[in-house]
N, C-alpha and C. Protein backbone atom coordinates (compact mmCIF):
# COMPACT_ATOMS: atom_id res chain seq x y z
N MET A 1 61.63 83.12 99.82
CA MET A 1 61.42 82.20 100.92
C MET A 1 60.17 81.37 100.63
N LYS A 2 60.29 80.08 100.89
CA LYS A 2 59.16 79.18 100.69
C LYS A 2 58.76 78.57 102.03
N ILE A 3 57.50 78.74 102.38
CA ILE A 3 56.97 78.18 103.62
C ILE A 3 55.94 77.13 103.24
N GLU A 4 56.13 75.93 103.77
CA GLU A 4 55.22 74.84 103.47
C GLU A 4 54.47 74.42 104.72
N ILE A 5 53.16 74.28 104.59
CA ILE A 5 52.32 73.77 105.65
C ILE A 5 51.98 72.33 105.28
N LEU A 6 52.40 71.40 106.11
CA LEU A 6 52.19 69.98 105.83
C LEU A 6 51.02 69.47 106.66
N GLY A 7 50.04 68.91 105.98
CA GLY A 7 48.88 68.36 106.66
C GLY A 7 47.80 67.98 105.66
N THR A 8 46.93 67.11 106.08
CA THR A 8 45.91 66.57 105.17
C THR A 8 44.65 67.41 105.09
N GLY A 9 44.56 68.46 105.87
CA GLY A 9 43.38 69.32 105.78
C GLY A 9 42.55 69.37 107.05
N CYS A 10 43.11 68.90 108.16
CA CYS A 10 42.39 68.93 109.43
C CYS A 10 42.28 70.37 109.94
N ALA A 11 41.50 70.56 110.98
CA ALA A 11 41.29 71.90 111.54
C ALA A 11 42.60 72.53 112.00
N LYS A 12 43.49 71.73 112.59
CA LYS A 12 44.77 72.26 113.06
C LYS A 12 45.64 72.70 111.88
N CYS A 13 45.58 71.95 110.79
CA CYS A 13 46.35 72.30 109.59
C CYS A 13 45.86 73.63 109.02
N LYS A 14 44.55 73.79 108.98
CA LYS A 14 43.96 75.03 108.47
C LYS A 14 44.32 76.20 109.36
N LYS A 15 44.33 75.99 110.68
CA LYS A 15 44.69 77.04 111.63
C LYS A 15 46.14 77.45 111.45
N LEU A 16 47.03 76.48 111.24
CA LEU A 16 48.44 76.79 111.02
C LEU A 16 48.62 77.60 109.74
N MET A 17 47.89 77.26 108.70
CA MET A 17 47.95 78.03 107.45
C MET A 17 47.51 79.47 107.70
N GLU A 18 46.43 79.64 108.43
CA GLU A 18 45.89 80.96 108.74
C GLU A 18 46.91 81.79 109.54
N ILE A 19 47.47 81.20 110.58
CA ILE A 19 48.45 81.91 111.41
C ILE A 19 49.69 82.27 110.60
N THR A 20 50.13 81.38 109.74
CA THR A 20 51.32 81.62 108.91
C THR A 20 51.08 82.78 107.96
N LYS A 21 49.92 82.80 107.30
CA LYS A 21 49.59 83.91 106.38
C LYS A 21 49.54 85.23 107.13
N GLU A 22 48.93 85.24 108.32
CA GLU A 22 48.86 86.46 109.13
C GLU A 22 50.26 86.93 109.52
N THR A 23 51.12 86.00 109.90
CA THR A 23 52.48 86.34 110.33
C THR A 23 53.28 86.94 109.17
N VAL A 24 53.20 86.33 108.01
CA VAL A 24 53.90 86.84 106.83
C VAL A 24 53.40 88.25 106.49
N ALA A 25 52.11 88.45 106.57
CA ALA A 25 51.54 89.78 106.29
C ALA A 25 52.03 90.81 107.32
N GLU A 26 52.06 90.42 108.58
CA GLU A 26 52.53 91.33 109.64
C GLU A 26 53.99 91.73 109.43
N LEU A 27 54.79 90.79 108.98
CA LEU A 27 56.21 91.05 108.75
C LEU A 27 56.45 91.82 107.45
N GLY A 28 55.46 91.80 106.56
CA GLY A 28 55.57 92.51 105.29
C GLY A 28 56.63 91.92 104.38
N ILE A 29 56.81 90.61 104.43
CA ILE A 29 57.81 89.98 103.58
C ILE A 29 57.14 89.27 102.40
N ASN A 30 57.95 88.96 101.43
CA ASN A 30 57.46 88.24 100.26
C ASN A 30 57.83 86.77 100.46
N ALA A 31 56.82 85.94 100.70
CA ALA A 31 57.07 84.51 100.90
C ALA A 31 56.00 83.71 100.16
N GLU A 32 56.43 82.61 99.60
CA GLU A 32 55.50 81.68 98.95
C GLU A 32 55.02 80.70 100.02
N ILE A 33 53.71 80.66 100.23
CA ILE A 33 53.14 79.75 101.22
C ILE A 33 52.40 78.65 100.48
N VAL A 34 52.83 77.41 100.71
CA VAL A 34 52.32 76.27 99.96
C VAL A 34 51.73 75.25 100.94
N LYS A 35 50.60 74.66 100.55
CA LYS A 35 49.96 73.59 101.33
C LYS A 35 50.40 72.26 100.75
N VAL A 36 50.99 71.43 101.58
CA VAL A 36 51.39 70.08 101.17
C VAL A 36 50.43 69.11 101.84
N ASP A 37 49.57 68.47 101.04
CA ASP A 37 48.54 67.62 101.63
C ASP A 37 48.61 66.16 101.19
N LYS A 38 49.56 65.83 100.35
CA LYS A 38 49.71 64.44 99.92
C LYS A 38 50.58 63.69 100.93
N ILE A 39 50.05 62.57 101.41
CA ILE A 39 50.73 61.79 102.45
C ILE A 39 52.16 61.43 102.06
N ASP A 40 52.39 61.01 100.82
CA ASP A 40 53.74 60.61 100.42
C ASP A 40 54.71 61.78 100.47
N GLU A 41 54.24 62.99 100.11
CA GLU A 41 55.11 64.18 100.16
C GLU A 41 55.42 64.55 101.62
N ILE A 42 54.42 64.42 102.49
CA ILE A 42 54.62 64.70 103.91
C ILE A 42 55.63 63.71 104.48
N MET A 43 55.50 62.44 104.11
CA MET A 43 56.41 61.39 104.59
C MET A 43 57.85 61.63 104.12
N ASN A 44 58.00 62.23 102.93
CA ASN A 44 59.34 62.52 102.42
C ASN A 44 60.11 63.46 103.35
N TYR A 45 59.39 64.26 104.11
CA TYR A 45 60.02 65.16 105.08
C TYR A 45 60.31 64.44 106.40
N GLY A 46 59.85 63.21 106.54
CA GLY A 46 60.04 62.48 107.77
C GLY A 46 59.06 62.87 108.86
N VAL A 47 57.99 63.55 108.47
CA VAL A 47 56.99 64.01 109.43
C VAL A 47 55.99 62.90 109.68
N MET A 48 55.78 62.59 110.96
CA MET A 48 54.83 61.54 111.34
C MET A 48 53.55 62.13 111.95
N MET A 49 53.63 63.37 112.42
CA MET A 49 52.47 64.03 113.01
C MET A 49 52.25 65.38 112.35
N THR A 50 51.02 65.67 112.01
CA THR A 50 50.69 66.96 111.43
C THR A 50 49.84 67.75 112.42
N PRO A 51 49.77 69.04 112.28
CA PRO A 51 50.37 69.84 111.22
C PRO A 51 51.87 70.01 111.42
N ALA A 52 52.54 70.37 110.34
CA ALA A 52 53.97 70.67 110.39
C ALA A 52 54.23 71.89 109.52
N ILE A 53 55.32 72.58 109.83
CA ILE A 53 55.70 73.74 109.03
C ILE A 53 57.16 73.60 108.65
N ALA A 54 57.44 73.87 107.38
CA ALA A 54 58.81 73.84 106.87
C ALA A 54 59.11 75.20 106.24
N ILE A 55 60.27 75.73 106.53
CA ILE A 55 60.71 76.97 105.91
C ILE A 55 61.96 76.65 105.10
N ASP A 56 61.89 76.93 103.81
CA ASP A 56 62.96 76.57 102.87
C ASP A 56 63.37 75.11 103.06
N GLU A 57 62.37 74.25 103.10
CA GLU A 57 62.51 72.80 103.16
C GLU A 57 63.08 72.27 104.47
N GLU A 58 63.14 73.09 105.51
CA GLU A 58 63.61 72.65 106.83
C GLU A 58 62.42 72.61 107.78
N ILE A 59 62.12 71.44 108.33
CA ILE A 59 61.01 71.31 109.27
C ILE A 59 61.32 72.10 110.54
N LYS A 60 60.38 72.95 110.92
CA LYS A 60 60.55 73.77 112.12
C LYS A 60 59.69 73.27 113.28
N ALA A 61 58.53 72.70 112.98
CA ALA A 61 57.65 72.16 114.03
C ALA A 61 56.76 71.10 113.40
N ALA A 62 56.42 70.09 114.21
CA ALA A 62 55.52 69.04 113.75
C ALA A 62 54.66 68.58 114.91
N GLY A 63 53.40 68.28 114.60
CA GLY A 63 52.49 67.76 115.60
C GLY A 63 51.89 68.81 116.52
N ARG A 64 52.10 70.08 116.18
CA ARG A 64 51.55 71.16 117.00
C ARG A 64 51.43 72.43 116.16
N ILE A 65 50.71 73.41 116.71
CA ILE A 65 50.59 74.70 116.05
C ILE A 65 51.52 75.67 116.76
N PRO A 66 52.59 76.10 116.09
CA PRO A 66 53.51 77.04 116.73
C PRO A 66 52.86 78.43 116.86
N SER A 67 53.38 79.22 117.77
CA SER A 67 52.87 80.59 117.95
C SER A 67 53.37 81.49 116.83
N LYS A 68 52.71 82.64 116.69
CA LYS A 68 53.17 83.62 115.71
C LYS A 68 54.61 84.05 116.01
N ASP A 69 54.91 84.20 117.31
CA ASP A 69 56.27 84.62 117.68
C ASP A 69 57.31 83.60 117.24
N GLU A 70 56.99 82.31 117.37
CA GLU A 70 57.92 81.27 116.91
C GLU A 70 58.11 81.37 115.40
N ILE A 71 57.01 81.52 114.67
CA ILE A 71 57.09 81.60 113.21
C ILE A 71 57.89 82.83 112.80
N LYS A 72 57.66 83.96 113.46
CA LYS A 72 58.42 85.19 113.16
C LYS A 72 59.91 84.96 113.37
N LYS A 73 60.25 84.30 114.48
CA LYS A 73 61.66 84.03 114.80
C LYS A 73 62.29 83.19 113.69
N TRP A 74 61.60 82.13 113.26
CA TRP A 74 62.14 81.26 112.21
C TRP A 74 62.31 82.01 110.90
N ILE A 75 61.34 82.85 110.57
CA ILE A 75 61.43 83.63 109.32
C ILE A 75 62.60 84.59 109.40
N ASN A 76 62.75 85.28 110.53
CA ASN A 76 63.84 86.24 110.68
C ASN A 76 65.20 85.57 110.63
N GLU A 77 65.30 84.32 111.09
CA GLU A 77 66.55 83.58 111.01
C GLU A 77 66.94 83.30 109.56
N LYS A 78 65.95 83.22 108.68
CA LYS A 78 66.20 82.89 107.27
C LYS A 78 66.49 84.12 106.42
N LYS A 79 66.24 85.29 106.96
CA LYS A 79 66.44 86.53 106.17
C LYS A 79 67.92 86.81 105.99
């Protein structure tokens, strides 16, 4: 599973990365967590507001920080 955090490095983007890492650790799963910070790559996803999170290249949320419960739900849907 590949989880991508899309954002240029703002505080909200960093917080989303932190929450995502904590969630993956809590679930005990093996996931690759990648930071996407290049504007052109973010635009390729059609994201206009950051932070955003994509799981296996599918955008799950943009312009907000989702809760751990939301992230867990999305990860469990992909298992």
